Amino acid sequence: MKVGDRVRIRPGGATVLVIDSVDEDGRFIVSPVTEAPGAYPFPMRAEDLIPE
């Protein structure tokens, strides 16, 4: 996976996210693809993400 890829959290995840960047610990910083009130970028481990 790389910056710009669309992913979900675990199989069957409802929200589609986009990888924005990679932090110094190697975690992906992801944010929702669609606008949502209160949405914000957050870090996720690669093993917790499923490519879209």
Foldseek 3Di string as FASTA:
>chain_A
DAAQFWKAFAPPHDFIWGFHHADPVRWTFIWTPDDDPPTDTDTDHPVRIDTD
